[in-house]
Amino acid sequence: QVQLVESGGGLVQPGGSLRLSCAASVSIFSFNIMGWYRQAPGKQREWVASITTGGSTNYVDSVKGRFTISRDNAEMTLYLQMNSLKPEDTAVYYCHARSGLFNSWGQGTQVTVSS
């Protein structure tokens, strides 16, 4: 069973930065696509960013130019660098990985942007 463990969340002031990490229990080469989702209080979970095995990336419009997704295959880790954070970025951030028809999720890490 695949395990994904997120870390790096916390409290940051508006305009600040955080880097989220997602450590996988297996080689991430096995995943067709990996990504980050987030869920704010009272809202549905939304897709934030994704990266394919080939390195192609996509972002939701609200984070373009501020967030960068990357993966380190040797370290079996997915990252999300978040810059210029805004209060509306406050949410629980989840790591996701898909291999064929199988989807795996992490437990989530809280990101709070507040002064």
C-alpha atoms as a PDB file:
ATOM      1  CA  GLN A   1       0.000   0.000   0.000  1.00  0.00           C
ATOM      2  CA  VAL A   2       1.354   3.387  -1.011  1.00  0.00           C
ATOM      3  CA  GLN A   3       1.885   5.916   1.743  1.00  0.00           C
ATOM      4  CA  LEU A   4       2.194   9.640   1.171  1.00  0.00           C
ATOM      5  CA  VAL A   5       3.293  11.850   4.067  1.00  0.00           C
ATOM      6  CA  GLU A   6       3.076  15.629   3.795  1.00  0.00           C
ATOM      7  CA  SER A   7       5.082  18.092   5.840  1.00  0.00           C
ATOM      8  CA  GLY A   8       6.042  21.753   5.800  1.00  0.00           C
ATOM      9  CA  GLY A   9       2.762  23.415   6.628  1.00  0.00           C
ATOM     10  CA  GLY A  10       2.411  26.108   9.250  1.00  0.00           C
ATOM     11  CA  LEU A  11       1.475  29.685  10.029  1.00  0.00           C
ATOM     12  CA  VAL A  12       2.902  32.390   7.784  1.00  0.00           C
ATOM     13  CA  GLN A  13       2.203  36.084   7.269  1.00  0.00           C
ATOM     14  CA  PRO A  14       0.748  37.362   4.005  1.00  0.00           C
ATOM     15  CA  GLY A  15       3.504  37.692   1.426  1.00  0.00           C
ATOM     16  CA  GLY A  16       5.538  34.943   3.039  1.00  0.00           C
ATOM     17  CA  SER A  17       6.684  31.585   1.701  1.00  0.00           C
ATOM     18  CA  LEU A  18       6.406  27.914   2.605  1.00  0.00           C
ATOM     19  CA  ARG A  19       7.622  24.727   0.980  1.00  0.00           C
ATOM     20  CA  LEU A  20       5.482  21.638   1.305  1.00  0.00           C
ATOM     21  CA  SER A  21       6.957  18.174   0.932  1.00  0.00           C
ATOM     22  CA  CYS A  22       5.278  14.857   0.211  1.00  0.00           C
ATOM     23  CA  ALA A  23       7.375  11.775   0.892  1.00  0.00           C
ATOM     24  CA  ALA A  24       6.288   8.582  -0.852  1.00  0.00           C
ATOM     25  CA  SER A  25       6.858   5.052   0.416  1.00  0.00           C
ATOM     26  CA  VAL A  26       7.566   3.790  -3.108  1.00  0.00           C
ATOM     27  CA  SER A  27       9.423   5.053  -6.139  1.00  0.00           C
ATOM     28  CA  ILE A  28       7.517   7.964  -7.624  1.00  0.00           C
ATOM     29  CA  PHE A  29       8.436   6.722 -11.080  1.00  0.00           C
ATOM     30  CA  SER A  30       5.454   4.422 -10.639  1.00  0.00           C
ATOM     31  CA  PHE A  31       3.051   7.375 -10.633  1.00  0.00           C
ATOM     32  CA  ASN A  32       1.716   8.759 -13.906  1.00  0.00           C
ATOM     33  CA  ILE A  33       0.906  12.050 -12.240  1.00  0.00           C
ATOM     34  CA  MET A  34       1.344  13.633  -8.842  1.00  0.00           C
ATOM     35  CA  GLY A  35      -0.234  16.754  -7.510  1.00  0.00           C
ATOM     36  CA  TRP A  36      -1.419  18.970  -4.703  1.00  0.00           C
ATOM     37  CA  TYR A  37      -4.986  19.688  -3.685  1.00  0.00           C
ATOM     38  CA  ARG A  38      -6.317  21.932  -0.935  1.00  0.00           C
ATOM     39  CA  GLN A  39      -9.467  22.234   1.098  1.00  0.00           C
ATOM     40  CA  ALA A  40     -10.450  25.398   2.919  1.00  0.00           C
ATOM     41  CA  PRO A  41     -13.015  25.362   5.751  1.00  0.00           C
ATOM     42  CA  GLY A  42     -16.538  24.995   4.390  1.00  0.00           C
ATOM     43  CA  LYS A  43     -15.322  24.491   0.821  1.00  0.00           C
ATOM     44  CA  GLN A  44     -14.808  21.560  -1.486  1.00  0.00           C
ATOM     45  CA  ARG A  45     -11.360  20.160  -2.104  1.00  0.00           C
ATOM     46  CA  GLU A  46      -9.783  21.812  -5.137  1.00  0.00           C
ATOM     47  CA  TRP A  47      -6.903  20.909  -7.377  1.00  0.00           C
ATOM     48  CA  VAL A  48      -3.902  23.232  -7.069  1.00  0.00           C
ATOM     49  CA  ALA A  49      -1.072  21.865  -9.194  1.00  0.00           C
ATOM     50  CA  SER A  50       0.147  18.706 -10.876  1.00  0.00           C
ATOM     51  CA  ILE A  51       3.258  17.267 -12.491  1.00  0.00           C
ATOM     52  CA  THR A  52       3.610  14.306 -14.816  1.00  0.00           C
ATOM     53  CA  THR A  53       6.345  11.709 -14.996  1.00  0.00           C
ATOM     54  CA  GLY A  54       7.760  13.670 -17.902  1.00  0.00           C
ATOM     55  CA  GLY A  55       7.880  16.857 -15.866  1.00  0.00           C
ATOM     56  CA  SER A  56       4.952  18.723 -17.401  1.00  0.00           C
ATOM     57  CA  THR A  57       3.284  21.010 -14.881  1.00  0.00           C
ATOM     58  CA  ASN A  58      -0.100  22.658 -14.560  1.00  0.00           C
ATOM     59  CA  TYR A  59      -1.548  25.090 -12.038  1.00  0.00           C
ATOM     60  CA  VAL A  60      -4.897  26.485 -11.069  1.00  0.00           C
ATOM     61  CA  ASP A  61      -5.102  30.109 -12.212  1.00  0.00           C
ATOM     62  CA  SER A  62      -5.165  31.496  -8.671  1.00  0.00           C
ATOM     63  CA  VAL A  63      -1.632  30.234  -7.903  1.00  0.00           C
ATOM     64  CA  LYS A  64       0.104  30.696 -11.258  1.00  0.00           C
ATOM     65  CA  GLY A  65       3.303  32.683 -10.879  1.00  0.00           C
ATOM     66  CA  ARG A  66       3.354  32.128  -7.118  1.00  0.00           C
ATOM     67  CA  PHE A  67       3.508  28.344  -6.627  1.00  0.00           C
ATOM     68  CA  THR A  68       5.953  25.871  -8.145  1.00  0.00           C
ATOM     69  CA  ILE A  69       5.503  22.110  -8.129  1.00  0.00           C
ATOM     70  CA  SER A  70       8.501  19.810  -8.507  1.00  0.00           C
ATOM     71  CA  ARG A  71       9.519  16.237  -7.864  1.00  0.00           C
ATOM     72  CA  ASP A  72      12.767  14.598  -6.802  1.00  0.00           C
ATOM     73  CA  ASN A  73      12.690  11.053  -8.077  1.00  0.00           C
ATOM     74  CA  ALA A  74      15.795  10.002  -6.171  1.00  0.00           C
ATOM     75  CA  GLU A  75      14.364  11.297  -2.903  1.00  0.00           C
ATOM     76  CA  MET A  76      10.870   9.944  -3.744  1.00  0.00           C
ATOM     77  CA  THR A  77       9.479  13.330  -2.804  1.00  0.00           C
ATOM     78  CA  LEU A  78       7.035  15.823  -4.273  1.00  0.00           C
ATOM     79  CA  TYR A  79       7.343  19.514  -3.427  1.00  0.00           C
ATOM     80  CA  LEU A  80       5.204  22.622  -3.585  1.00  0.00           C
ATOM     81  CA  GLN A  81       7.053  25.915  -3.231  1.00  0.00           C
ATOM     82  CA  MET A  82       4.550  28.596  -2.265  1.00  0.00           C
ATOM     83  CA  ASN A  83       5.554  32.250  -2.494  1.00  0.00           C
ATOM     84  CA  SER A  84       3.635  35.502  -2.053  1.00  0.00           C
ATOM     85  CA  LEU A  85       1.093  33.703   0.077  1.00  0.00           C
ATOM     86  CA  LYS A  86      -2.336  35.233   0.556  1.00  0.00           C
ATOM     87  CA  PRO A  87      -4.965  34.687   3.263  1.00  0.00           C
ATOM     88  CA  GLU A  88      -7.112  32.918   0.683  1.00  0.00           C
ATOM     89  CA  ASP A  89      -4.405  30.252   0.376  1.00  0.00           C
ATOM     90  CA  THR A  90      -5.298  29.092   3.881  1.00  0.00           C
ATOM     91  CA  ALA A  91      -6.339  25.436   3.676  1.00  0.00           C
ATOM     92  CA  VAL A  92      -5.331  21.878   4.374  1.00  0.00           C
ATOM     93  CA  TYR A  93      -3.036  20.809   1.543  1.00  0.00           C
ATOM     94  CA  TYR A  94      -3.108  17.211   0.329  1.00  0.00           C
ATOM     95  CA  CYS A  95      -0.643  15.288  -1.760  1.00  0.00           C
ATOM     96  CA  HIS A  96      -2.082  13.034  -4.470  1.00  0.00           C
ATOM     97  CA  ALA A  97      -0.553  10.371  -6.675  1.00  0.00           C
ATOM     98  CA  ARG A  98      -2.113   8.334  -9.456  1.00  0.00           C
ATOM     99  CA  SER A  99      -0.853   5.125 -10.984  1.00  0.00           C
ATOM    100  CA  GLY A 100      -3.221   3.778 -13.611  1.00  0.00           C
ATOM    101  CA  LEU A 101      -6.596   3.470 -11.896  1.00  0.00           C
ATOM    102  CA  PHE A 102      -5.173   3.704  -8.392  1.00  0.00           C
ATOM    103  CA  ASN A 103      -5.226   6.953  -6.433  1.00  0.00           C
ATOM    104  CA  SER A 104      -3.345   7.628  -3.226  1.00  0.00           C
ATOM    105  CA  TRP A 105      -3.722  10.544  -0.817  1.00  0.00           C
ATOM    106  CA  GLY A 106      -1.715  11.911   2.041  1.00  0.00           C
ATOM    107  CA  GLN A 107      -3.189  12.900   5.390  1.00  0.00           C
ATOM    108  CA  GLY A 108      -2.855  16.631   4.727  1.00  0.00           C
ATOM    109  CA  THR A 109      -0.878  19.506   6.185  1.00  0.00           C
ATOM    110  CA  GLN A 110      -2.383  22.766   7.422  1.00  0.00           C
ATOM    111  CA  VAL A 111      -1.309  26.053   5.863  1.00  0.00           C
ATOM    112  CA  THR A 112      -2.532  29.228   7.549  1.00  0.00           C
ATOM    113  CA  VAL A 113      -1.796  32.646   6.089  1.00  0.00           C
ATOM    114  CA  SER A 114      -2.583  35.367   8.581  1.00  0.00           C
ATOM    115  CA  SER A 115      -1.120  38.462  10.129  1.00  0.00           C
END
